[in-house]
Amino acid sequence: MAEPRTARVEAQRKRILDAAQHCFIEHGFHGASMANIAETADMSAGLIYRYFENKSAIILAIVQEQLVLLREEISLNDQPDLSALMVENYARTCNQRRGMNAALLLEISAEATRDPQIAAALDDYDAEVRRALCDWLARGPEAGGHGLPKSLAPQRALVLQCLFEGLKLRETREPGLDRGLLLAALQDVMPGILEA
């Protein structure tokens, strides 16, 4: 009996989070009301409050959801063509669950400057990404890594994070960027990041 209830609760939470993400992207964090989120989720605002205390709690849940997805993907047990992957993910539609939408990332980052709880969640997210990238960069090629010295991995992980975040910002300003130009630029710099 507990399993169907848990599945229903998770389905409701997912529905709310999807609606909230849509509203935050469309109207901004402060422009999106709980009533907007409820309407988008096709449920009452009262029902949303059974799952989330306020909009900040929803943002925290979105960050946590992204962290779970990140943990699933970032084990990075292979050596993907990172340049091609970054081009493929550039300005992809906001209805995709994997990877945070650029506008949503900016909204959450801005809210983190005002809300210490959201700032702490983003700090945890950043630390988790950096740890995973350091592990991947330092892991030997036989284990799907790049074999960088452990002392060098944190620097390169930081550069990758800055590159990922910078591309998210660029998406909001130049969604129609020439993908061929982006691929050539990334292929030019990526060897210097991934090789010792």
N, C-alpha and C. Protein backbone atom coordinates (compact mmCIF):
# COMPACT_ATOMS: atom_id res chain seq x y z
N MET A 1 0.82 -1.20 0.00
CA MET A 1 0.00 0.00 0.00
C MET A 1 0.86 1.26 0.00
N ALA A 2 2.04 1.19 0.64
CA ALA A 2 2.90 2.38 0.74
C ALA A 2 3.49 2.77 -0.62
N GLU A 3 3.80 1.78 -1.47
CA GLU A 3 4.42 2.08 -2.76
C GLU A 3 3.55 2.95 -3.66
N PRO A 4 2.27 2.60 -3.87
CA PRO A 4 1.44 3.47 -4.72
C PRO A 4 1.31 4.88 -4.16
N ARG A 5 1.23 4.99 -2.83
CA ARG A 5 1.13 6.32 -2.21
C ARG A 5 2.41 7.12 -2.47
N THR A 6 3.56 6.47 -2.31
CA THR A 6 4.84 7.14 -2.56
C THR A 6 4.95 7.56 -4.02
N ALA A 7 4.55 6.69 -4.92
CA ALA A 7 4.60 7.01 -6.35
C ALA A 7 3.68 8.20 -6.66
N ARG A 8 2.51 8.24 -6.03
CA ARG A 8 1.58 9.34 -6.26
C ARG A 8 2.15 10.65 -5.72
N VAL A 9 2.76 10.59 -4.54
CA VAL A 9 3.37 11.78 -3.94
C VAL A 9 4.49 12.29 -4.85
N GLU A 10 5.33 11.39 -5.34
CA GLU A 10 6.43 11.79 -6.22
C GLU A 10 5.91 12.36 -7.54
N ALA A 11 4.84 11.78 -8.05
CA ALA A 11 4.25 12.29 -9.29
C ALA A 11 3.71 13.71 -9.09
N GLN A 12 3.08 13.96 -7.94
CA GLN A 12 2.55 15.30 -7.64
C GLN A 12 3.70 16.30 -7.49
N ARG A 13 4.73 15.89 -6.77
CA ARG A 13 5.90 16.78 -6.59
C ARG A 13 6.52 17.12 -7.95
N LYS A 14 6.66 16.12 -8.80
CA LYS A 14 7.24 16.34 -10.13
C LYS A 14 6.37 17.30 -10.93
N ARG A 15 5.08 17.13 -10.85
CA ARG A 15 4.14 18.00 -11.56
C ARG A 15 4.28 19.45 -11.09
N ILE A 16 4.41 19.63 -9.79
CA ILE A 16 4.58 20.97 -9.22
C ILE A 16 5.92 21.57 -9.65
N LEU A 17 6.98 20.77 -9.57
CA LEU A 17 8.31 21.27 -9.93
C LEU A 17 8.38 21.62 -11.41
N ASP A 18 7.78 20.81 -12.26
CA ASP A 18 7.76 21.12 -13.69
C ASP A 18 7.01 22.42 -13.94
N ALA A 19 5.86 22.58 -13.29
CA ALA A 19 5.07 23.81 -13.46
C ALA A 19 5.84 25.02 -12.94
N ALA A 20 6.49 24.86 -11.78
CA ALA A 20 7.25 25.96 -11.19
C ALA A 20 8.40 26.37 -12.10
N GLN A 21 9.12 25.39 -12.63
CA GLN A 21 10.22 25.72 -13.54
C GLN A 21 9.70 26.51 -14.74
N HIS A 22 8.61 26.05 -15.30
CA HIS A 22 8.01 26.75 -16.44
C HIS A 22 7.67 28.20 -16.05
N CYS A 23 7.04 28.38 -14.90
CA CYS A 23 6.64 29.73 -14.45
C CYS A 23 7.85 30.60 -14.13
N PHE A 24 8.87 30.03 -13.48
CA PHE A 24 10.06 30.81 -13.14
C PHE A 24 10.78 31.26 -14.41
N ILE A 25 10.82 30.39 -15.42
CA ILE A 25 11.47 30.74 -16.68
C ILE A 25 10.67 31.83 -17.39
N GLU A 26 9.37 31.68 -17.39
CA GLU A 26 8.49 32.61 -18.11
C GLU A 26 8.35 33.96 -17.42
N HIS A 27 8.20 33.95 -16.09
CA HIS A 27 7.87 35.19 -15.36
C HIS A 27 8.95 35.65 -14.38
N GLY A 28 10.00 34.85 -14.18
CA GLY A 28 10.98 35.16 -13.16
C GLY A 28 10.50 34.67 -11.81
N PHE A 29 11.41 34.54 -10.87
CA PHE A 29 11.06 34.00 -9.57
C PHE A 29 10.02 34.86 -8.86
N HIS A 30 10.25 36.17 -8.86
CA HIS A 30 9.33 37.06 -8.14
C HIS A 30 8.06 37.35 -8.92
N GLY A 31 8.10 37.20 -10.23
CA GLY A 31 6.91 37.43 -11.03
C GLY A 31 5.95 36.24 -11.05
N ALA A 32 6.48 35.07 -10.73
CA ALA A 32 5.65 33.86 -10.72
C ALA A 32 5.03 33.71 -9.34
N SER A 33 3.74 33.69 -9.29
CA SER A 33 3.04 33.51 -8.00
C SER A 33 2.70 32.04 -7.80
N MET A 34 2.36 31.70 -6.56
CA MET A 34 1.92 30.33 -6.29
C MET A 34 0.65 30.05 -7.08
N ALA A 35 -0.17 31.07 -7.31
CA ALA A 35 -1.39 30.88 -8.11
C ALA A 35 -1.03 30.53 -9.55
N ASN A 36 0.02 31.19 -10.12
CA ASN A 36 0.49 30.85 -11.47
C ASN A 36 0.95 29.41 -11.54
N ILE A 37 1.73 29.02 -10.53
CA ILE A 37 2.27 27.66 -10.49
C ILE A 37 1.12 26.66 -10.39
N ALA A 38 0.15 26.96 -9.54
CA ALA A 38 -1.00 26.07 -9.37
C ALA A 38 -1.77 25.93 -10.67
N GLU A 39 -2.00 27.05 -11.34
CA GLU A 39 -2.74 27.01 -12.61
C GLU A 39 -1.99 26.20 -13.65
N THR A 40 -0.68 26.40 -13.73
CA THR A 40 0.14 25.66 -14.69
C THR A 40 0.15 24.17 -14.37
N ALA A 41 0.17 23.84 -13.08
CA ALA A 41 0.16 22.43 -12.65
C ALA A 41 -1.24 21.83 -12.68
N ASP A 42 -2.24 22.68 -12.93
CA ASP A 42 -3.64 22.25 -12.94
C ASP A 42 -4.04 21.62 -11.60
N MET A 43 -3.74 22.36 -10.53
CA MET A 43 -4.11 21.95 -9.18
C MET A 43 -4.32 23.19 -8.33
N SER A 44 -4.83 23.02 -7.15
CA SER A 44 -5.07 24.17 -6.28
C SER A 44 -3.78 24.60 -5.60
N ALA A 45 -3.70 25.90 -5.28
CA ALA A 45 -2.54 26.41 -4.54
C ALA A 45 -2.44 25.72 -3.18
N GLY A 46 -3.59 25.43 -2.58
CA GLY A 46 -3.59 24.73 -1.29
C GLY A 46 -2.90 23.39 -1.36
N LEU A 47 -3.10 22.68 -2.47
CA LEU A 47 -2.45 21.39 -2.63
C LEU A 47 -0.94 21.56 -2.75
N ILE A 48 -0.51 22.60 -3.45
CA ILE A 48 0.94 22.86 -3.57
C ILE A 48 1.55 23.09 -2.19
N TYR A 49 0.84 23.84 -1.34
CA TYR A 49 1.36 24.12 0.00
C TYR A 49 1.45 22.86 0.87
N ARG A 50 0.76 21.80 0.49
CA ARG A 50 0.92 20.52 1.21
C ARG A 50 2.28 19.91 0.93
N TYR A 51 2.85 20.26 -0.22
CA TYR A 51 4.14 19.70 -0.63
C TYR A 51 5.31 20.66 -0.39
N PHE A 52 5.05 21.96 -0.54
CA PHE A 52 6.12 22.96 -0.43
C PHE A 52 5.62 24.14 0.39
N GLU A 53 6.43 24.55 1.34
CA GLU A 53 6.06 25.65 2.24
C GLU A 53 5.92 26.98 1.50
N ASN A 54 6.83 27.21 0.52
CA ASN A 54 6.84 28.49 -0.20
C ASN A 54 7.65 28.33 -1.49
N LYS A 55 7.82 29.42 -2.23
CA LYS A 55 8.57 29.35 -3.49
C LYS A 55 10.04 29.01 -3.25
N SER A 56 10.60 29.48 -2.16
CA SER A 56 12.00 29.14 -1.87
C SER A 56 12.17 27.63 -1.71
N ALA A 57 11.20 26.99 -1.07
CA ALA A 57 11.25 25.54 -0.90
C ALA A 57 11.18 24.84 -2.25
N ILE A 58 10.44 25.42 -3.17
CA ILE A 58 10.36 24.85 -4.52
C ILE A 58 11.71 24.98 -5.22
N ILE A 59 12.35 26.14 -5.09
CA ILE A 59 13.67 26.32 -5.70
C ILE A 59 14.66 25.33 -5.11
N LEU A 60 14.62 25.16 -3.79
CA LEU A 60 15.53 24.19 -3.15
C LEU A 60 15.29 22.79 -3.72
N ALA A 61 14.04 22.44 -3.93
CA ALA A 61 13.71 21.13 -4.49
C ALA A 61 14.21 21.00 -5.93
N ILE A 62 14.13 22.08 -6.70
CA ILE A 62 14.63 22.06 -8.08
C ILE A 62 16.14 21.85 -8.07
N VAL A 63 16.85 22.55 -7.19
CA VAL A 63 18.30 22.38 -7.10
C VAL A 63 18.63 20.95 -6.69
N GLN A 64 17.90 20.41 -5.72
CA GLN A 64 18.14 19.03 -5.28
C GLN A 64 17.86 18.03 -6.41
N GLU A 65 16.80 18.27 -7.17
CA GLU A 65 16.47 17.40 -8.30
C GLU A 65 17.61 17.44 -9.32
N GLN A 66 18.13 18.62 -9.61
CA GLN A 66 19.24 18.73 -10.56
C GLN A 66 20.48 18.00 -10.05
N LEU A 67 20.68 18.04 -8.72
CA LEU A 67 21.82 17.35 -8.13
C LEU A 67 21.68 15.84 -8.28
N VAL A 68 20.48 15.33 -8.10
CA VAL A 68 20.24 13.89 -8.28
C VAL A 68 20.52 13.50 -9.73
N LEU A 69 20.00 14.29 -10.68
CA LEU A 69 20.25 14.01 -12.10
C LEU A 69 21.74 14.09 -12.41
N LEU A 70 22.40 15.07 -11.82
CA LEU A 70 23.83 15.24 -12.03
C LEU A 70 24.59 14.01 -11.53
N ARG A 71 24.24 13.52 -10.34
CA ARG A 71 24.92 12.35 -9.80
C ARG A 71 24.75 11.14 -10.71
N GLU A 72 23.58 11.03 -11.34
CA GLU A 72 23.33 9.92 -12.25
C GLU A 72 24.24 10.03 -13.48
N GLU A 73 24.46 11.24 -13.96
CA GLU A 73 25.18 11.44 -15.21
C GLU A 73 26.68 11.62 -15.05
N ILE A 74 27.10 12.21 -13.92
CA ILE A 74 28.48 12.68 -13.85
C ILE A 74 29.46 11.63 -13.37
N SER A 75 28.98 10.42 -13.20
CA SER A 75 29.95 9.38 -12.88
C SER A 75 30.99 9.34 -13.99
N LEU A 76 30.61 9.78 -15.18
CA LEU A 76 31.54 9.94 -16.30
C LEU A 76 32.52 8.79 -16.42
N ASN A 77 31.99 7.60 -16.58
CA ASN A 77 32.84 6.41 -16.68
C ASN A 77 33.36 6.20 -18.10
N ASP A 78 33.36 7.23 -18.87
CA ASP A 78 33.92 7.15 -20.20
C ASP A 78 34.53 8.50 -20.56
N GLN A 79 35.00 8.63 -21.75
CA GLN A 79 35.58 9.88 -22.22
C GLN A 79 34.73 10.42 -23.36
N PRO A 80 33.61 11.06 -23.04
CA PRO A 80 32.76 11.57 -24.11
C PRO A 80 33.46 12.71 -24.84
N ASP A 81 33.00 13.00 -26.04
CA ASP A 81 33.49 14.16 -26.76
C ASP A 81 32.81 15.36 -26.10
N LEU A 82 33.50 15.95 -25.13
CA LEU A 82 32.92 17.01 -24.31
C LEU A 82 32.53 18.22 -25.15
N SER A 83 33.33 18.55 -26.15
CA SER A 83 33.01 19.69 -27.01
C SER A 83 31.68 19.45 -27.73
N ALA A 84 31.53 18.27 -28.33
CA ALA A 84 30.29 17.95 -29.06
C ALA A 84 29.10 17.91 -28.10
N LEU A 85 29.30 17.38 -26.91
CA LEU A 85 28.23 17.31 -25.92
C LEU A 85 27.78 18.71 -25.50
N MET A 86 28.73 19.61 -25.31
CA MET A 86 28.40 20.98 -24.90
C MET A 86 27.65 21.71 -26.02
N VAL A 87 28.04 21.46 -27.26
CA VAL A 87 27.33 22.07 -28.39
C VAL A 87 25.92 21.50 -28.49
N GLU A 88 25.79 20.20 -28.30
CA GLU A 88 24.48 19.56 -28.36
C GLU A 88 23.54 20.12 -27.28
N ASN A 89 24.08 20.40 -26.11
CA ASN A 89 23.26 20.90 -25.00
C ASN A 89 23.03 22.40 -25.04
N TYR A 90 23.72 23.10 -25.92
CA TYR A 90 23.62 24.56 -25.97
C TYR A 90 22.22 24.98 -26.40
N ALA A 91 21.59 25.79 -25.57
CA ALA A 91 20.27 26.38 -25.86
C ALA A 91 19.20 25.34 -26.20
N ARG A 92 19.31 24.15 -25.59
CA ARG A 92 18.25 23.18 -25.86
C ARG A 92 16.97 23.62 -25.18
N THR A 93 15.89 23.09 -25.60
CA THR A 93 14.59 23.57 -25.12
C THR A 93 14.45 23.38 -23.62
N CYS A 94 13.70 24.28 -23.00
CA CYS A 94 13.59 24.30 -21.55
C CYS A 94 12.70 23.20 -21.00
N ASN A 95 12.02 22.43 -21.84
CA ASN A 95 11.19 21.37 -21.29
C ASN A 95 11.96 20.08 -21.06
N GLN A 96 13.24 20.09 -21.35
CA GLN A 96 14.04 18.90 -21.09
C GLN A 96 14.43 18.88 -19.62
N ARG A 97 14.38 17.71 -19.00
CA ARG A 97 14.63 17.58 -17.57
C ARG A 97 16.12 17.61 -17.24
N ARG A 98 16.95 17.12 -18.11
CA ARG A 98 18.37 17.03 -17.81
C ARG A 98 19.06 18.36 -18.08
N GLY A 99 19.81 18.82 -17.12
CA GLY A 99 20.51 20.08 -17.28
C GLY A 99 19.58 21.25 -17.03
N MET A 100 20.03 22.17 -16.23
CA MET A 100 19.18 23.29 -15.86
C MET A 100 19.09 24.30 -17.01
N ASN A 101 17.89 24.75 -17.28
CA ASN A 101 17.65 25.78 -18.26
C ASN A 101 18.45 27.02 -17.88
N ALA A 102 19.01 27.70 -18.88
CA ALA A 102 19.86 28.87 -18.63
C ALA A 102 19.13 29.97 -17.86
N ALA A 103 17.91 30.30 -18.29
CA ALA A 103 17.15 31.36 -17.61
C ALA A 103 16.84 30.96 -16.17
N LEU A 104 16.52 29.70 -15.97
CA LEU A 104 16.23 29.22 -14.60
C LEU A 104 17.48 29.30 -13.73
N LEU A 105 18.62 28.92 -14.28
CA LEU A 105 19.88 29.01 -13.53
C LEU A 105 20.15 30.44 -13.10
N LEU A 106 19.91 31.39 -14.01
CA LEU A 106 20.13 32.80 -13.66
C LEU A 106 19.15 33.26 -12.59
N GLU A 107 17.89 32.84 -12.68
CA GLU A 107 16.90 33.20 -11.66
C GLU A 107 17.31 32.65 -10.29
N ILE A 108 17.71 31.38 -10.27
CA ILE A 108 18.10 30.76 -9.00
C ILE A 108 19.36 31.41 -8.46
N SER A 109 20.31 31.72 -9.33
CA SER A 109 21.55 32.38 -8.89
C SER A 109 21.25 33.75 -8.30
N ALA A 110 20.35 34.49 -8.94
CA ALA A 110 19.98 35.81 -8.41
C ALA A 110 19.29 35.67 -7.05
N GLU A 111 18.42 34.70 -6.92
CA GLU A 111 17.71 34.50 -5.65
C GLU A 111 18.69 34.08 -4.55
N ALA A 112 19.75 33.38 -4.93
CA ALA A 112 20.75 32.96 -3.95
C ALA A 112 21.46 34.15 -3.31
N THR A 113 21.48 35.30 -3.99
CA THR A 113 22.10 36.48 -3.40
C THR A 113 21.24 37.06 -2.29
N ARG A 114 19.96 36.66 -2.24
CA ARG A 114 19.04 37.18 -1.22
C ARG A 114 18.62 36.14 -0.19
N ASP A 115 18.76 34.88 -0.52
CA ASP A 115 18.26 33.81 0.35
C ASP A 115 19.42 32.89 0.72
N PRO A 116 19.86 32.94 1.99
CA PRO A 116 21.01 32.14 2.40
C PRO A 116 20.80 30.63 2.23
N GLN A 117 19.57 30.17 2.35
CA GLN A 117 19.29 28.74 2.19
C GLN A 117 19.51 28.30 0.74
N ILE A 118 19.07 29.12 -0.19
CA ILE A 118 19.28 28.81 -1.60
C ILE A 118 20.76 28.95 -1.94
N ALA A 119 21.43 29.95 -1.36
CA ALA A 119 22.88 30.11 -1.58
C ALA A 119 23.63 28.87 -1.10
N ALA A 120 23.25 28.34 0.05
CA ALA A 120 23.90 27.14 0.59
C ALA A 120 23.65 25.94 -0.32
N ALA A 121 22.43 25.82 -0.85
CA ALA A 121 22.12 24.71 -1.75
C ALA A 121 22.94 24.80 -3.03
N LEU A 122 23.11 26.02 -3.57
CA LEU A 122 23.94 26.19 -4.77
C LEU A 122 25.41 25.92 -4.47
N ASP A 123 25.86 26.32 -3.28
CA ASP A 123 27.25 26.03 -2.89
C ASP A 123 27.47 24.52 -2.85
N ASP A 124 26.50 23.78 -2.28
CA ASP A 124 26.60 22.32 -2.22
C ASP A 124 26.62 21.73 -3.63
N TYR A 125 25.77 22.27 -4.49
CA TYR A 125 25.69 21.81 -5.87
C TYR A 125 27.05 22.02 -6.57
N ASP A 126 27.61 23.25 -6.42
CA ASP A 126 28.91 23.55 -7.03
C ASP A 126 30.00 22.62 -6.51
N ALA A 127 30.00 22.39 -5.20
CA ALA A 127 31.03 21.53 -4.60
C ALA A 127 30.91 20.10 -5.14
N GLU A 128 29.68 19.62 -5.27
CA GLU A 128 29.45 18.27 -5.79
C GLU A 128 29.93 18.16 -7.24
N VAL A 129 29.63 19.16 -8.05
CA VAL A 129 30.08 19.16 -9.44
C VAL A 129 31.61 19.16 -9.49
N ARG A 130 32.23 20.01 -8.68
CA ARG A 130 33.69 20.10 -8.72
C ARG A 130 34.34 18.80 -8.27
N ARG A 131 33.80 18.18 -7.22
CA ARG A 131 34.35 16.89 -6.76
C ARG A 131 34.25 15.84 -7.86
N ALA A 132 33.10 15.77 -8.50
CA ALA A 132 32.90 14.77 -9.56
C ALA A 132 33.83 15.03 -10.74
N LEU A 133 33.99 16.30 -11.12
CA LEU A 133 34.89 16.63 -12.22
C LEU A 133 36.34 16.32 -11.86
N CYS A 134 36.75 16.64 -10.63
CA CYS A 134 38.12 16.34 -10.19
C CYS A 134 38.38 14.84 -10.26
N ASP A 135 37.40 14.06 -9.79
CA ASP A 135 37.54 12.61 -9.81
C ASP A 135 37.68 12.11 -11.25
N TRP A 136 36.84 12.62 -12.13
CA TRP A 136 36.86 12.20 -13.53
C TRP A 136 38.18 12.59 -14.20
N LEU A 137 38.65 13.80 -13.95
CA LEU A 137 39.89 14.27 -14.57
C LEU A 137 41.11 13.50 -14.06
N ALA A 138 41.12 13.12 -12.78
CA ALA A 138 42.27 12.45 -12.19
C ALA A 138 42.24 10.93 -12.41
N ARG A 139 41.06 10.38 -12.64
CA ARG A 139 40.92 8.93 -12.85
C ARG A 139 41.70 8.52 -14.10
N GLY A 140 42.28 7.35 -14.06
CA GLY A 140 43.05 6.87 -15.20
C GLY A 140 42.19 6.61 -16.43
N PRO A 141 42.80 6.67 -17.61
CA PRO A 141 42.04 6.43 -18.85
C PRO A 141 41.36 5.06 -18.88
N GLU A 142 41.98 4.05 -18.25
CA GLU A 142 41.38 2.72 -18.23
C GLU A 142 40.06 2.70 -17.46
N ALA A 143 39.87 3.70 -16.59
CA ALA A 143 38.62 3.82 -15.81
C ALA A 143 37.73 4.94 -16.36
N GLY A 144 38.01 5.40 -17.59
CA GLY A 144 37.18 6.40 -18.23
C GLY A 144 37.55 7.84 -17.91
N GLY A 145 38.69 8.04 -17.26
CA GLY A 145 39.12 9.40 -16.91
C GLY A 145 40.19 9.92 -17.84
N HIS A 146 40.91 10.94 -17.36
CA HIS A 146 41.93 11.58 -18.20
C HIS A 146 43.33 11.47 -17.61
N GLY A 147 43.45 10.92 -16.42
CA GLY A 147 44.76 10.68 -15.85
C GLY A 147 45.56 11.92 -15.49
N LEU A 148 44.87 13.04 -15.21
CA LEU A 148 45.59 14.24 -14.80
C LEU A 148 46.15 14.06 -13.38
N PRO A 149 47.26 14.71 -13.06
CA PRO A 149 47.75 14.67 -11.68
C PRO A 149 46.68 15.23 -10.73
N LYS A 150 46.55 14.62 -9.57
CA LYS A 150 45.53 15.06 -8.61
C LYS A 150 45.70 16.53 -8.23
N SER A 151 46.93 17.02 -8.27
CA SER A 151 47.16 18.43 -7.93
C SER A 151 46.64 19.38 -9.01
N LEU A 152 46.53 18.89 -10.24
CA LEU A 152 46.09 19.71 -11.37
C LEU A 152 44.57 19.64 -11.58
N ALA A 153 43.96 18.55 -11.15
CA ALA A 153 42.53 18.32 -11.39
C ALA A 153 41.63 19.44 -10.86
N PRO A 154 41.85 19.97 -9.64
CA PRO A 154 40.96 21.03 -9.16
C PRO A 154 40.97 22.29 -10.03
N GLN A 155 42.15 22.65 -10.55
CA GLN A 155 42.23 23.83 -11.42
C GLN A 155 41.44 23.62 -12.70
N ARG A 156 41.61 22.45 -13.31
CA ARG A 156 40.93 22.15 -14.56
C ARG A 156 39.42 21.99 -14.34
N ALA A 157 39.05 21.43 -13.20
CA ALA A 157 37.61 21.29 -12.88
C ALA A 157 36.97 22.68 -12.75
N LEU A 158 37.69 23.61 -12.13
CA LEU A 158 37.18 24.97 -12.00
C LEU A 158 37.01 25.62 -13.38
N VAL A 159 37.99 25.41 -14.25
CA VAL A 159 37.89 25.97 -15.61
C VAL A 159 36.67 25.39 -16.33
N LEU A 160 36.44 24.09 -16.19
CA LEU A 160 35.28 23.46 -16.83
C LEU A 160 33.98 24.03 -16.27
N GLN A 161 33.91 24.21 -14.95
CA GLN A 161 32.71 24.80 -14.36
C GLN A 161 32.46 26.20 -14.91
N CYS A 162 33.52 27.00 -14.99
CA CYS A 162 33.37 28.36 -15.53
C CYS A 162 32.92 28.32 -16.99
N LEU A 163 33.44 27.37 -17.74
CA LEU A 163 33.05 27.22 -19.14
C LEU A 163 31.58 26.80 -19.25
N PHE A 164 31.16 25.83 -18.44
CA PHE A 164 29.76 25.39 -18.46
C PHE A 164 28.82 26.54 -18.12
N GLU A 165 29.15 27.27 -17.04
CA GLU A 165 28.29 28.36 -16.60
C GLU A 165 28.31 29.53 -17.58
N GLY A 166 29.48 29.80 -18.14
CA GLY A 166 29.58 30.87 -19.13
C GLY A 166 28.74 30.57 -20.36
N LEU A 167 28.73 29.32 -20.78
CA LEU A 167 27.89 28.94 -21.92
C LEU A 167 26.41 29.07 -21.58
N LYS A 168 26.04 28.79 -20.33
CA LYS A 168 24.63 28.97 -19.93
C LYS A 168 24.25 30.45 -20.05
N LEU A 169 25.11 31.34 -19.61
CA LEU A 169 24.85 32.77 -19.74
C LEU A 169 24.78 33.17 -21.21
N ARG A 170 25.70 32.66 -22.00
CA ARG A 170 25.72 32.97 -23.44
C ARG A 170 24.42 32.51 -24.10
N GLU A 171 23.86 31.38 -23.66
CA GLU A 171 22.59 30.88 -24.22
C GLU A 171 21.49 31.92 -24.11
N THR A 172 21.45 32.62 -22.98
CA THR A 172 20.36 33.60 -22.78
C THR A 172 20.54 34.81 -23.69
N ARG A 173 21.78 35.12 -24.04
CA ARG A 173 22.04 36.31 -24.84
C ARG A 173 22.16 36.01 -26.33
N GLU A 174 22.56 34.78 -26.66
CA GLU A 174 22.79 34.45 -28.07
C GLU A 174 22.34 33.01 -28.36
N PRO A 175 21.02 32.76 -28.26
CA PRO A 175 20.55 31.39 -28.47
C PRO A 175 20.80 30.87 -29.88
N GLY A 176 20.93 31.76 -30.85
CA GLY A 176 21.15 31.35 -32.23
C GLY A 176 22.61 31.27 -32.62
N LEU A 177 23.50 31.23 -31.64
CA LEU A 177 24.94 31.17 -31.91
C LEU A 177 25.26 30.06 -32.91
N ASP A 178 26.14 30.36 -33.85
CA ASP A 178 26.57 29.39 -34.86
C ASP A 178 27.21 28.19 -34.15
N ARG A 179 26.57 27.03 -34.26
CA ARG A 179 27.06 25.83 -33.56
C ARG A 179 28.40 25.36 -34.10
N GLY A 180 28.64 25.59 -35.38
CA GLY A 180 29.94 25.23 -35.96
C GLY A 180 31.07 26.05 -35.35
N LEU A 181 30.82 27.34 -35.18
CA LEU A 181 31.80 28.23 -34.55
C LEU A 181 32.04 27.81 -33.10
N LEU A 182 30.96 27.49 -32.39
CA LEU A 182 31.09 27.07 -31.00
C LEU A 182 31.89 25.78 -30.90
N LEU A 183 31.59 24.81 -31.76
CA LEU A 183 32.31 23.54 -31.74
C LEU A 183 33.79 23.75 -32.01
N ALA A 184 34.12 24.57 -33.01
CA ALA A 184 35.53 24.83 -33.35
C ALA A 184 36.25 25.49 -32.17
N ALA A 185 35.58 26.43 -31.52
CA ALA A 185 36.18 27.13 -30.38
C ALA A 185 36.44 26.16 -29.23
N LEU A 186 35.45 25.32 -28.94
CA LEU A 186 35.61 24.36 -27.84
C LEU A 186 36.68 23.32 -28.16
N GLN A 187 36.71 22.84 -29.40
CA GLN A 187 37.73 21.86 -29.78
C GLN A 187 39.13 22.44 -29.71
N ASP A 188 39.23 23.75 -29.86
CA ASP A 188 40.51 24.43 -29.79
C ASP A 188 41.05 24.48 -28.35
N VAL A 189 40.15 24.70 -27.38
CA VAL A 189 40.61 24.85 -26.00
C VAL A 189 40.51 23.58 -25.16
N MET A 190 39.66 22.64 -25.53
CA MET A 190 39.42 21.48 -24.68
C MET A 190 40.66 20.62 -24.45
N PRO A 191 41.51 20.39 -25.45
CA PRO A 191 42.71 19.58 -25.17
C PRO A 191 43.58 20.20 -24.07
N GLY A 192 43.66 21.51 -24.02
CA GLY A 192 44.46 22.16 -22.98
C GLY A 192 43.87 21.99 -21.58
N ILE A 193 42.57 21.69 -21.52
CA ILE A 193 41.92 21.49 -20.22
C ILE A 193 41.99 20.02 -19.81
N LEU A 194 41.81 19.13 -20.77
CA LEU A 194 41.68 17.70 -20.45
C LEU A 194 43.00 16.93 -20.47
N GLU A 195 44.07 17.57 -20.95
CA GLU A 195 45.36 16.87 -21.02
C GLU A 195 46.38 17.53 -20.10
N ALA A 196 47.29 16.72 -19.57
CA ALA A 196 48.32 17.23 -18.65
C ALA A 196 49.36 18.04 -19.41
